[in-house]
Amino acid sequence: MLISGVGLLVWPERGVAFYLRNPVFYIKLAVFAAMLLIAITPARIILQWHREASTEKVPEHGMVLFVKRYLTAEAILFLVVPLAASLSARGIGLQPSSS
């Protein structure tokens, strides 16, 4: 997702200036950054569970629900990113030129 986004940003058809003028583009970047930040906590917990798997220790039910909530939030944000990208690519959010 990140590689295709950078590719579209520098693609000669629209170019960087088209996207940098669009507030929807910045919303997309903010949602993407939030998604990455949210991913840190469950990733650390899952890595801990992986390390503890050799001891056959079962994760607590409360922690499983905690990780599930984080992953659900991340999945919801994951749906917003392509929507914002599509809107941004179509010029939604740009102010009409005053000519």
PDB file of N, CA and C in Angstrom:
ATOM      1  N   MET A   1       0.832  -1.172   0.000  1.00  0.00           N
ATOM      2  CA  MET A   1       0.000   0.000   0.000  1.00  0.00           C
ATOM      3  C   MET A   1       0.885   1.246   0.000  1.00  0.00           C
ATOM      4  N   LEU A   2       1.924   1.226   0.788  1.00  0.00           N
ATOM      5  CA  LEU A   2       2.803   2.388   0.870  1.00  0.00           C
ATOM      6  C   LEU A   2       3.551   2.605  -0.445  1.00  0.00           C
ATOM      7  N   ILE A   3       4.023   1.523  -1.058  1.00  0.00           N
ATOM      8  CA  ILE A   3       4.781   1.638  -2.306  1.00  0.00           C
ATOM      9  C   ILE A   3       3.898   2.161  -3.439  1.00  0.00           C
ATOM     10  N   SER A   4       2.676   1.649  -3.540  1.00  0.00           N
ATOM     11  CA  SER A   4       1.783   2.131  -4.594  1.00  0.00           C
ATOM     12  C   SER A   4       1.400   3.589  -4.348  1.00  0.00           C
ATOM     13  N   GLY A   5       1.246   3.980  -3.092  1.00  0.00           N
ATOM     14  CA  GLY A   5       0.931   5.366  -2.772  1.00  0.00           C
ATOM     15  C   GLY A   5       2.044   6.311  -3.165  1.00  0.00           C
ATOM     16  N   VAL A   6       3.277   5.929  -2.896  1.00  0.00           N
ATOM     17  CA  VAL A   6       4.420   6.767  -3.278  1.00  0.00           C
ATOM     18  C   VAL A   6       4.527   6.825  -4.799  1.00  0.00           C
ATOM     19  N   GLY A   7       4.248   5.694  -5.457  1.00  0.00           N
ATOM     20  CA  GLY A   7       4.274   5.675  -6.920  1.00  0.00           C
ATOM     21  C   GLY A   7       3.273   6.638  -7.521  1.00  0.00           C
ATOM     22  N   LEU A   8       2.067   6.663  -6.976  1.00  0.00           N
ATOM     23  CA  LEU A   8       1.062   7.592  -7.483  1.00  0.00           C
ATOM     24  C   LEU A   8       1.410   9.041  -7.168  1.00  0.00           C
ATOM     25  N   LEU A   9       2.073   9.249  -6.045  1.00  0.00           N
ATOM     26  CA  LEU A   9       2.451  10.611  -5.656  1.00  0.00           C
ATOM     27  C   LEU A   9       3.413  11.218  -6.665  1.00  0.00           C
ATOM     28  N   VAL A  10       4.360  10.456  -7.133  1.00  0.00           N
ATOM     29  CA  VAL A  10       5.377  10.979  -8.044  1.00  0.00           C
ATOM     30  C   VAL A  10       5.069  10.671  -9.505  1.00  0.00           C
ATOM     31  N   TRP A  11       3.939  10.033  -9.770  1.00  0.00           N
ATOM     32  CA  TRP A  11       3.577   9.713 -11.155  1.00  0.00           C
ATOM     33  C   TRP A  11       3.444  11.012 -11.949  1.00  0.00           C
ATOM     34  N   PRO A  12       3.995  11.057 -13.151  1.00  0.00           N
ATOM     35  CA  PRO A  12       4.018  12.314 -13.908  1.00  0.00           C
ATOM     36  C   PRO A  12       2.638  12.841 -14.320  1.00  0.00           C
ATOM     37  N   GLU A  13       1.613  11.991 -14.376  1.00  0.00           N
ATOM     38  CA  GLU A  13       0.305  12.449 -14.833  1.00  0.00           C
ATOM     39  C   GLU A  13      -0.246  13.561 -13.943  1.00  0.00           C
ATOM     40  N   ARG A  14      -0.190  13.374 -12.637  1.00  0.00           N
ATOM     41  CA  ARG A  14      -0.727  14.386 -11.720  1.00  0.00           C
ATOM     42  C   ARG A  14       0.395  15.075 -10.949  1.00  0.00           C
ATOM     43  N   GLY A  15       1.332  14.317 -10.495  1.00  0.00           N
ATOM     44  CA  GLY A  15       2.480  14.880  -9.817  1.00  0.00           C
ATOM     45  C   GLY A  15       2.244  15.217  -8.357  1.00  0.00           C
ATOM     46  N   VAL A  16       3.301  15.618  -7.722  1.00  0.00           N
ATOM     47  CA  VAL A  16       3.310  15.901  -6.298  1.00  0.00           C
ATOM     48  C   VAL A  16       2.409  17.087  -5.949  1.00  0.00           C
ATOM     49  N   ALA A  17       2.428  18.113  -6.763  1.00  0.00           N
ATOM     50  CA  ALA A  17       1.675  19.335  -6.457  1.00  0.00           C
ATOM     51  C   ALA A  17       0.174  19.064  -6.360  1.00  0.00           C
ATOM     52  N   PHE A  18      -0.341  18.172  -7.195  1.00  0.00           N
ATOM     53  CA  PHE A  18      -1.765  17.850  -7.174  1.00  0.00           C
ATOM     54  C   PHE A  18      -2.171  17.289  -5.813  1.00  0.00           C
ATOM     55  N   TYR A  19      -1.371  16.370  -5.295  1.00  0.00           N
ATOM     56  CA  TYR A  19      -1.720  15.725  -4.030  1.00  0.00           C
ATOM     57  C   TYR A  19      -1.436  16.611  -2.824  1.00  0.00           C
ATOM     58  N   LEU A  20      -0.369  17.367  -2.878  1.00  0.00           N
ATOM     59  CA  LEU A  20      -0.012  18.186  -1.725  1.00  0.00           C
ATOM     60  C   LEU A  20      -0.977  19.349  -1.500  1.00  0.00           C
ATOM     61  N   ARG A  21      -1.791  19.689  -2.486  1.00  0.00           N
ATOM     62  CA  ARG A  21      -2.810  20.730  -2.315  1.00  0.00           C
ATOM     63  C   ARG A  21      -4.110  20.171  -1.751  1.00  0.00           C
ATOM     64  N   ASN A  22      -4.225  18.854  -1.663  1.00  0.00           N
ATOM     65  CA  ASN A  22      -5.483  18.215  -1.306  1.00  0.00           C
ATOM     66  C   ASN A  22      -5.505  17.826   0.177  1.00  0.00           C
ATOM     67  N   PRO A  23      -6.444  18.355   0.963  1.00  0.00           N
ATOM     68  CA  PRO A  23      -6.509  17.994   2.385  1.00  0.00           C
ATOM     69  C   PRO A  23      -6.881  16.522   2.610  1.00  0.00           C
ATOM     70  N   VAL A  24      -7.573  15.911   1.663  1.00  0.00           N
ATOM     71  CA  VAL A  24      -7.922  14.487   1.807  1.00  0.00           C
ATOM     72  C   VAL A  24      -6.655  13.637   1.784  1.00  0.00           C
ATOM     73  N   PHE A  25      -5.648  14.071   1.043  1.00  0.00           N
ATOM     74  CA  PHE A  25      -4.359  13.374   1.013  1.00  0.00           C
ATOM     75  C   PHE A  25      -3.731  13.362   2.408  1.00  0.00           C
ATOM     76  N   TYR A  26      -3.821  14.484   3.111  1.00  0.00           N
ATOM     77  CA  TYR A  26      -3.256  14.559   4.461  1.00  0.00           C
ATOM     78  C   TYR A  26      -4.071  13.738   5.454  1.00  0.00           C
ATOM     79  N   ILE A  27      -5.362  13.649   5.230  1.00  0.00           N
ATOM     80  CA  ILE A  27      -6.200  12.772   6.064  1.00  0.00           C
ATOM     81  C   ILE A  27      -5.762  11.330   5.871  1.00  0.00           C
ATOM     82  N   LYS A  28      -5.518  10.955   4.626  1.00  0.00           N
ATOM     83  CA  LYS A  28      -5.059   9.594   4.335  1.00  0.00           C
ATOM     84  C   LYS A  28      -3.735   9.302   5.039  1.00  0.00           C
ATOM     85  N   LEU A  29      -2.817  10.257   4.972  1.00  0.00           N
ATOM     86  CA  LEU A  29      -1.520  10.063   5.638  1.00  0.00           C
ATOM     87  C   LEU A  29      -1.687   9.944   7.152  1.00  0.00           C
ATOM     88  N   ALA A  30      -2.567  10.755   7.723  1.00  0.00           N
ATOM     89  CA  ALA A  30      -2.791  10.702   9.172  1.00  0.00           C
ATOM     90  C   ALA A  30      -3.412   9.367   9.581  1.00  0.00           C
ATOM     91  N   VAL A  31      -4.365   8.884   8.798  1.00  0.00           N
ATOM     92  CA  VAL A  31      -4.999   7.595   9.114  1.00  0.00           C
ATOM     93  C   VAL A  31      -3.977   6.478   8.973  1.00  0.00           C
ATOM     94  N   PHE A  32      -3.141   6.542   7.949  1.00  0.00           N
ATOM     95  CA  PHE A  32      -2.101   5.531   7.757  1.00  0.00           C
ATOM     96  C   PHE A  32      -1.121   5.532   8.929  1.00  0.00           C
ATOM     97  N   ALA A  33      -0.729   6.726   9.371  1.00  0.00           N
ATOM     98  CA  ALA A  33       0.182   6.825  10.519  1.00  0.00           C
ATOM     99  C   ALA A  33      -0.482   6.295  11.786  1.00  0.00           C
ATOM    100  N   ALA A  34      -1.756   6.613  11.986  1.00  0.00           N
ATOM    101  CA  ALA A  34      -2.479   6.096  13.155  1.00  0.00           C
ATOM    102  C   ALA A  34      -2.553   4.582  13.113  1.00  0.00           C
ATOM    103  N   MET A  35      -2.771   4.047  11.921  1.00  0.00           N
ATOM    104  CA  MET A  35      -2.830   2.596  11.764  1.00  0.00           C
ATOM    105  C   MET A  35      -1.489   1.957  12.155  1.00  0.00           C
ATOM    106  N   LEU A  36      -0.408   2.563  11.735  1.00  0.00           N
ATOM    107  CA  LEU A  36       0.911   2.037  12.083  1.00  0.00           C
ATOM    108  C   LEU A  36       1.182   2.133  13.586  1.00  0.00           C
ATOM    109  N   LEU A  37       0.776   3.236  14.202  1.00  0.00           N
ATOM    110  CA  LEU A  37       0.984   3.388  15.645  1.00  0.00           C
ATOM    111  C   LEU A  37       0.140   2.399  16.444  1.00  0.00           C
ATOM    112  N   ILE A  38      -1.090   2.182  15.998  1.00  0.00           N
ATOM    113  CA  ILE A  38      -1.961   1.221  16.682  1.00  0.00           C
ATOM    114  C   ILE A  38      -1.400  -0.189  16.577  1.00  0.00           C
ATOM    115  N   ALA A  39      -0.701  -0.482  15.490  1.00  0.00           N
ATOM    116  CA  ALA A  39      -0.182  -1.832  15.259  1.00  0.00           C
ATOM    117  C   ALA A  39       0.959  -2.208  16.204  1.00  0.00           C
ATOM    118  N   ILE A  40       1.576  -1.229  16.824  1.00  0.00           N
ATOM    119  CA  ILE A  40       2.746  -1.511  17.662  1.00  0.00           C
ATOM    120  C   ILE A  40       2.371  -2.348  18.888  1.00  0.00           C
ATOM    121  N   THR A  41       1.327  -1.954  19.589  1.00  0.00           N
ATOM    122  CA  THR A  41       0.957  -2.650  20.828  1.00  0.00           C
ATOM    123  C   THR A  41       0.602  -4.118  20.603  1.00  0.00           C
ATOM    124  N   PRO A  42      -0.325  -4.444  19.694  1.00  0.00           N
ATOM    125  CA  PRO A  42      -0.630  -5.862  19.516  1.00  0.00           C
ATOM    126  C   PRO A  42       0.560  -6.658  18.974  1.00  0.00           C
ATOM    127  N   ALA A  43       1.399  -6.014  18.163  1.00  0.00           N
ATOM    128  CA  ALA A  43       2.568  -6.726  17.645  1.00  0.00           C
ATOM    129  C   ALA A  43       3.513  -7.124  18.771  1.00  0.00           C
ATOM    130  N   ARG A  44       3.717  -6.224  19.709  1.00  0.00           N
ATOM    131  CA  ARG A  44       4.595  -6.544  20.847  1.00  0.00           C
ATOM    132  C   ARG A  44       4.006  -7.670  21.701  1.00  0.00           C
ATOM    133  N   ILE A  45       2.698  -7.617  21.915  1.00  0.00           N
ATOM    134  CA  ILE A  45       2.056  -8.656  22.732  1.00  0.00           C
ATOM    135  C   ILE A  45       2.110 -10.001  22.022  1.00  0.00           C
ATOM    136  N   ILE A  46       1.838 -10.012  20.728  1.00  0.00           N
ATOM    137  CA  ILE A  46       1.866 -11.267  19.974  1.00  0.00           C
ATOM    138  C   ILE A  46       3.281 -11.837  19.934  1.00  0.00           C
ATOM    139  N   LEU A  47       4.282 -10.983  19.793  1.00  0.00           N
ATOM    140  CA  LEU A  47       5.672 -11.465  19.843  1.00  0.00           C
ATOM    141  C   LEU A  47       5.991 -12.072  21.210  1.00  0.00           C
ATOM    142  N   GLN A  48       5.485 -11.463  22.262  1.00  0.00           N
ATOM    143  CA  GLN A  48       5.668 -12.014  23.604  1.00  0.00           C
ATOM    144  C   GLN A  48       5.006 -13.384  23.710  1.00  0.00           C
ATOM    145  N   TRP A  49       3.792 -13.498  23.198  1.00  0.00           N
ATOM    146  CA  TRP A  49       3.106 -14.794  23.204  1.00  0.00           C
ATOM    147  C   TRP A  49       3.896 -15.833  22.416  1.00  0.00           C
ATOM    148  N   HIS A  50       4.499 -15.409  21.321  1.00  0.00           N
ATOM    149  CA  HIS A  50       5.287 -16.332  20.508  1.00  0.00           C
ATOM    150  C   HIS A  50       6.506 -16.834  21.289  1.00  0.00           C
ATOM    151  N   ARG A  51       7.149 -15.919  22.013  1.00  0.00           N
ATOM    152  CA  ARG A  51       8.302 -16.323  22.831  1.00  0.00           C
ATOM    153  C   ARG A  51       7.877 -17.282  23.943  1.00  0.00           C
ATOM    154  N   GLU A  52       6.681 -17.068  24.484  1.00  0.00           N
ATOM    155  CA  GLU A  52       6.190 -17.909  25.574  1.00  0.00           C
ATOM    156  C   GLU A  52       5.555 -19.204  25.079  1.00  0.00           C
ATOM    157  N   ALA A  53       5.422 -19.375  23.778  1.00  0.00           N
ATOM    158  CA  ALA A  53       4.761 -20.565  23.236  1.00  0.00           C
ATOM    159  C   ALA A  53       5.522 -21.843  23.555  1.00  0.00           C
ATOM    160  N   SER A  54       6.829 -21.756  23.679  1.00  0.00           N
ATOM    161  CA  SER A  54       7.613 -22.953  23.992  1.00  0.00           C
ATOM    162  C   SER A  54       7.340 -23.446  25.413  1.00  0.00           C
ATOM    163  N   THR A  55       6.889 -22.563  26.297  1.00  0.00           N
ATOM    164  CA  THR A  55       6.571 -22.968  27.664  1.00  0.00           C
ATOM    165  C   THR A  55       5.118 -23.424  27.788  1.00  0.00           C
ATOM    166  N   GLU A  56       4.403 -23.389  26.672  1.00  0.00           N
ATOM    167  CA  GLU A  56       2.999 -23.800  26.607  1.00  0.00           C
ATOM    168  C   GLU A  56       2.111 -22.976  27.537  1.00  0.00           C
ATOM    169  N   LYS A  57       2.507 -21.748  27.758  1.00  0.00           N
ATOM    170  CA  LYS A  57       1.696 -20.833  28.557  1.00  0.00           C
ATOM    171  C   LYS A  57       0.580 -20.271  27.673  1.00  0.00           C
ATOM    172  N   VAL A  58      -0.648 -20.362  28.130  1.00  0.00           N
ATOM    173  CA  VAL A  58      -1.805 -19.887  27.372  1.00  0.00           C
ATOM    174  C   VAL A  58      -2.038 -18.412  27.705  1.00  0.00           C
ATOM    175  N   PRO A  59      -2.240 -17.581  26.675  1.00  0.00           N
ATOM    176  CA  PRO A  59      -2.505 -16.166  26.943  1.00  0.00           C
ATOM    177  C   PRO A  59      -3.798 -15.986  27.734  1.00  0.00           C
ATOM    178  N   GLU A  60      -3.811 -14.965  28.579  1.00  0.00           N
ATOM    179  CA  GLU A  60      -5.014 -14.666  29.355  1.00  0.00           C
ATOM    180  C   GLU A  60      -6.122 -14.205  28.426  1.00  0.00           C
ATOM    181  N   HIS A  61      -7.353 -14.561  28.787  1.00  0.00           N
ATOM    182  CA  HIS A  61      -8.508 -14.212  27.956  1.00  0.00           C
ATOM    183  C   HIS A  61      -8.649 -12.694  27.813  1.00  0.00           C
ATOM    184  N   GLY A  62      -8.387 -11.955  28.879  1.00  0.00           N
ATOM    185  CA  GLY A  62      -8.477 -10.498  28.832  1.00  0.00           C
ATOM    186  C   GLY A  62      -7.476  -9.895  27.856  1.00  0.00           C
ATOM    187  N   MET A  63      -6.272 -10.454  27.797  1.00  0.00           N
ATOM    188  CA  MET A  63      -5.259  -9.954  26.868  1.00  0.00           C
ATOM    189  C   MET A  63      -5.627 -10.278  25.425  1.00  0.00           C
ATOM    190  N   VAL A  64      -6.234 -11.435  25.212  1.00  0.00           N
ATOM    191  CA  VAL A  64      -6.679 -11.794  23.869  1.00  0.00           C
ATOM    192  C   VAL A  64      -7.735 -10.795  23.394  1.00  0.00           C
ATOM    193  N   LEU A  65      -8.678 -10.442  24.261  1.00  0.00           N
ATOM    194  CA  LEU A  65      -9.698  -9.459  23.909  1.00  0.00           C
ATOM    195  C   LEU A  65      -9.082  -8.089  23.669  1.00  0.00           C
ATOM    196  N   PHE A  66      -8.084  -7.736  24.465  1.00  0.00           N
ATOM    197  CA  PHE A  66      -7.377  -6.460  24.307  1.00  0.00           C
ATOM    198  C   PHE A  66      -6.735  -6.370  22.924  1.00  0.00           C
ATOM    199  N   VAL A  67      -6.030  -7.424  22.527  1.00  0.00           N
ATOM    200  CA  VAL A  67      -5.381  -7.459  21.215  1.00  0.00           C
ATOM    201  C   VAL A  67      -6.435  -7.448  20.112  1.00  0.00           C
ATOM    202  N   LYS A  68      -7.526  -8.153  20.336  1.00  0.00           N
ATOM    203  CA  LYS A  68      -8.598  -8.191  19.340  1.00  0.00           C
ATOM    204  C   LYS A  68      -9.180  -6.798  19.102  1.00  0.00           C
ATOM    205  N   ARG A  69      -9.340  -6.007  20.154  1.00  0.00           N
ATOM    206  CA  ARG A  69      -9.856  -4.642  20.005  1.00  0.00           C
ATOM    207  C   ARG A  69      -8.899  -3.776  19.187  1.00  0.00           C
ATOM    208  N   TYR A  70      -7.623  -3.896  19.469  1.00  0.00           N
ATOM    209  CA  TYR A  70      -6.628  -3.145  18.714  1.00  0.00           C
ATOM    210  C   TYR A  70      -6.658  -3.535  17.239  1.00  0.00           C
ATOM    211  N   LEU A  71      -6.716  -4.825  16.972  1.00  0.00           N
ATOM    212  CA  LEU A  71      -6.726  -5.292  15.588  1.00  0.00           C
ATOM    213  C   LEU A  71      -7.999  -4.877  14.862  1.00  0.00           C
ATOM    214  N   THR A  72      -9.120  -4.827  15.579  1.00  0.00           N
ATOM    215  CA  THR A  72     -10.368  -4.365  14.979  1.00  0.00           C
ATOM    216  C   THR A  72     -10.258  -2.890  14.606  1.00  0.00           C
ATOM    217  N   ALA A  73      -9.702  -2.092  15.492  1.00  0.00           N
ATOM    218  CA  ALA A  73      -9.511  -0.667  15.203  1.00  0.00           C
ATOM    219  C   ALA A  73      -8.588  -0.490  13.999  1.00  0.00           C
ATOM    220  N   GLU A  74      -7.549  -1.284  13.951  1.00  0.00           N
ATOM    221  CA  GLU A  74      -6.612  -1.211  12.830  1.00  0.00           C
ATOM    222  C   GLU A  74      -7.293  -1.609  11.518  1.00  0.00           C
ATOM    223  N   ALA A  75      -8.139  -2.619  11.555  1.00  0.00           N
ATOM    224  CA  ALA A  75      -8.854  -3.057  10.351  1.00  0.00           C
ATOM    225  C   ALA A  75      -9.821  -1.992   9.861  1.00  0.00           C
ATOM    226  N   ILE A  76     -10.476  -1.309  10.777  1.00  0.00           N
ATOM    227  CA  ILE A  76     -11.392  -0.231  10.388  1.00  0.00           C
ATOM    228  C   ILE A  76     -10.613   0.895   9.716  1.00  0.00           C
ATOM    229  N   LEU A  77      -9.480   1.262  10.292  1.00  0.00           N
ATOM    230  CA  LEU A  77      -8.656   2.301   9.679  1.00  0.00           C
ATOM    231  C   LEU A  77      -8.108   1.844   8.326  1.00  0.00           C
ATOM    232  N   PHE A  78      -7.841   0.557   8.219  1.00  0.00           N
ATOM    233  CA  PHE A  78      -7.335   0.005   6.960  1.00  0.00           C
ATOM    234  C   PHE A  78      -8.353   0.199   5.835  1.00  0.00           C
ATOM    235  N   LEU A  79      -9.624   0.207   6.162  1.00  0.00           N
ATOM    236  CA  LEU A  79     -10.664   0.440   5.168  1.00  0.00           C
ATOM    237  C   LEU A  79     -10.745   1.904   4.755  1.00  0.00           C
ATOM    238  N   VAL A  80     -10.362   2.795   5.651  1.00  0.00           N
ATOM    239  CA  VAL A  80     -10.446   4.230   5.378  1.00  0.00           C
ATOM    240  C   VAL A  80      -9.334   4.677   4.426  1.00  0.00           C
ATOM    241  N   VAL A  81      -8.165   4.063   4.506  1.00  0.00           N
ATOM    242  CA  VAL A  81      -7.018   4.497   3.700  1.00  0.00           C
ATOM    243  C   VAL A  81      -7.310   4.414   2.196  1.00  0.00           C
ATOM    244  N   PRO A  82      -7.786   3.276   1.658  1.00  0.00           N
ATOM    245  CA  PRO A  82      -8.062   3.260   0.216  1.00  0.00           C
ATOM    246  C   PRO A  82      -9.201   4.198  -0.187  1.00  0.00           C
ATOM    247  N   LEU A  83     -10.164   4.385   0.696  1.00  0.00           N
ATOM    248  CA  LEU A  83     -11.246   5.322   0.407  1.00  0.00           C
ATOM    249  C   LEU A  83     -10.691   6.739   0.268  1.00  0.00           C
ATOM    250  N   ALA A  84      -9.871   7.147   1.234  1.00  0.00           N
ATOM    251  CA  ALA A  84      -9.265   8.478   1.174  1.00  0.00           C
ATOM    252  C   ALA A  84      -8.337   8.601  -0.033  1.00  0.00           C
ATOM    253  N   ALA A  85      -7.622   7.536  -0.372  1.00  0.00           N
ATOM    254  CA  ALA A  85      -6.736   7.570  -1.539  1.00  0.00           C
ATOM    255  C   ALA A  85      -7.537   7.758  -2.818  1.00  0.00           C
ATOM    256  N   SER A  86      -8.643   7.058  -2.907  1.00  0.00           N
ATOM    257  CA  SER A  86      -9.495   7.177  -4.092  1.00  0.00           C
ATOM    258  C   SER A  86     -10.078   8.583  -4.217  1.00  0.00           C
ATOM    259  N   LEU A  87     -10.553   9.116  -3.106  1.00  0.00           N
ATOM    260  CA  LEU A  87     -11.103  10.473  -3.123  1.00  0.00           C
ATOM    261  C   LEU A  87     -10.033  11.500  -3.489  1.00  0.00           C
ATOM    262  N   SER A  88      -8.857  11.318  -2.935  1.00  0.00           N
ATOM    263  CA  SER A  88      -7.757  12.233  -3.210  1.00  0.00           C
ATOM    264  C   SER A  88      -7.340  12.172  -4.675  1.00  0.00           C
ATOM    265  N   ALA A  89      -7.270  10.971  -5.239  1.00  0.00           N
ATOM    266  CA  ALA A  89      -6.869  10.807  -6.633  1.00  0.00           C
ATOM    267  C   ALA A  89      -7.886  11.418  -7.590  1.00  0.00           C
ATOM    268  N   ARG A  90      -9.137  11.478  -7.177  1.00  0.00           N
ATOM    269  CA  ARG A  90     -10.178  12.062  -8.018  1.00  0.00           C
ATOM    270  C   ARG A  90     -10.304  13.573  -7.818  1.00  0.00           C
ATOM    271  N   GLY A  91      -9.501  14.132  -6.935  1.00  0.00           N
ATOM    272  CA  GLY A  91      -9.513  15.573  -6.726  1.00  0.00           C
ATOM    273  C   GLY A  91     -10.578  16.029  -5.735  1.00  0.00           C
ATOM    274  N   ILE A  92     -11.232  15.089  -5.057  1.00  0.00           N
ATOM    275  CA  ILE A  92     -12.206  15.464  -4.045  1.00  0.00           C
ATOM    276  C   ILE A  92     -11.449  16.141  -2.904  1.00  0.00           C
ATOM    277  N   GLY A  93     -11.930  17.276  -2.465  1.00  0.00           N
ATOM    278  CA  GLY A  93     -11.271  18.014  -1.394  1.00  0.00           C
ATOM    279  C   GLY A  93     -10.491  19.206  -1.888  1.00  0.00           C
ATOM    280  N   LEU A  94     -10.220  19.253  -3.185  1.00  0.00           N
ATOM    281  CA  LEU A  94      -9.528  20.413  -3.750  1.00  0.00           C
ATOM    282  C   LEU A  94     -10.482  21.590  -3.853  1.00  0.00           C
ATOM    283  N   GLN A  95      -9.989  22.751  -3.587  1.00  0.00           N
ATOM    284  CA  GLN A  95     -10.775  23.961  -3.741  1.00  0.00           C
ATOM    285  C   GLN A  95     -10.846  24.304  -5.230  1.00  0.00           C
ATOM    286  N   PRO A  96     -12.030  24.697  -5.704  1.00  0.00           N
ATOM    287  CA  PRO A  96     -12.110  25.102  -7.111  1.00  0.00           C
ATOM    288  C   PRO A  96     -11.212  26.304  -7.364  1.00  0.00           C
ATOM    289  N   SER A  97     -10.583  26.282  -8.520  1.00  0.00           N
ATOM    290  CA  SER A  97      -9.695  27.408  -8.854  1.00  0.00           C
ATOM    291  C   SER A  97     -10.519  28.668  -9.097  1.00  0.00           C
ATOM    292  N   SER A  98     -10.022  29.773  -8.625  1.00  0.00           N
ATOM    293  CA  SER A  98     -10.751  31.047  -8.777  1.00  0.00           C
ATOM    294  C   SER A  98     -10.201  31.803  -9.994  1.00  0.00           C
ATOM    295  N   SER A  99     -10.647  31.388 -11.184  1.00  0.00           N
ATOM    296  CA  SER A  99     -10.179  32.038 -12.404  1.00  0.00           C
ATOM    297  C   SER A  99     -11.268  32.865 -13.009  1.00  0.00           C
TER     298      SER A  99
END
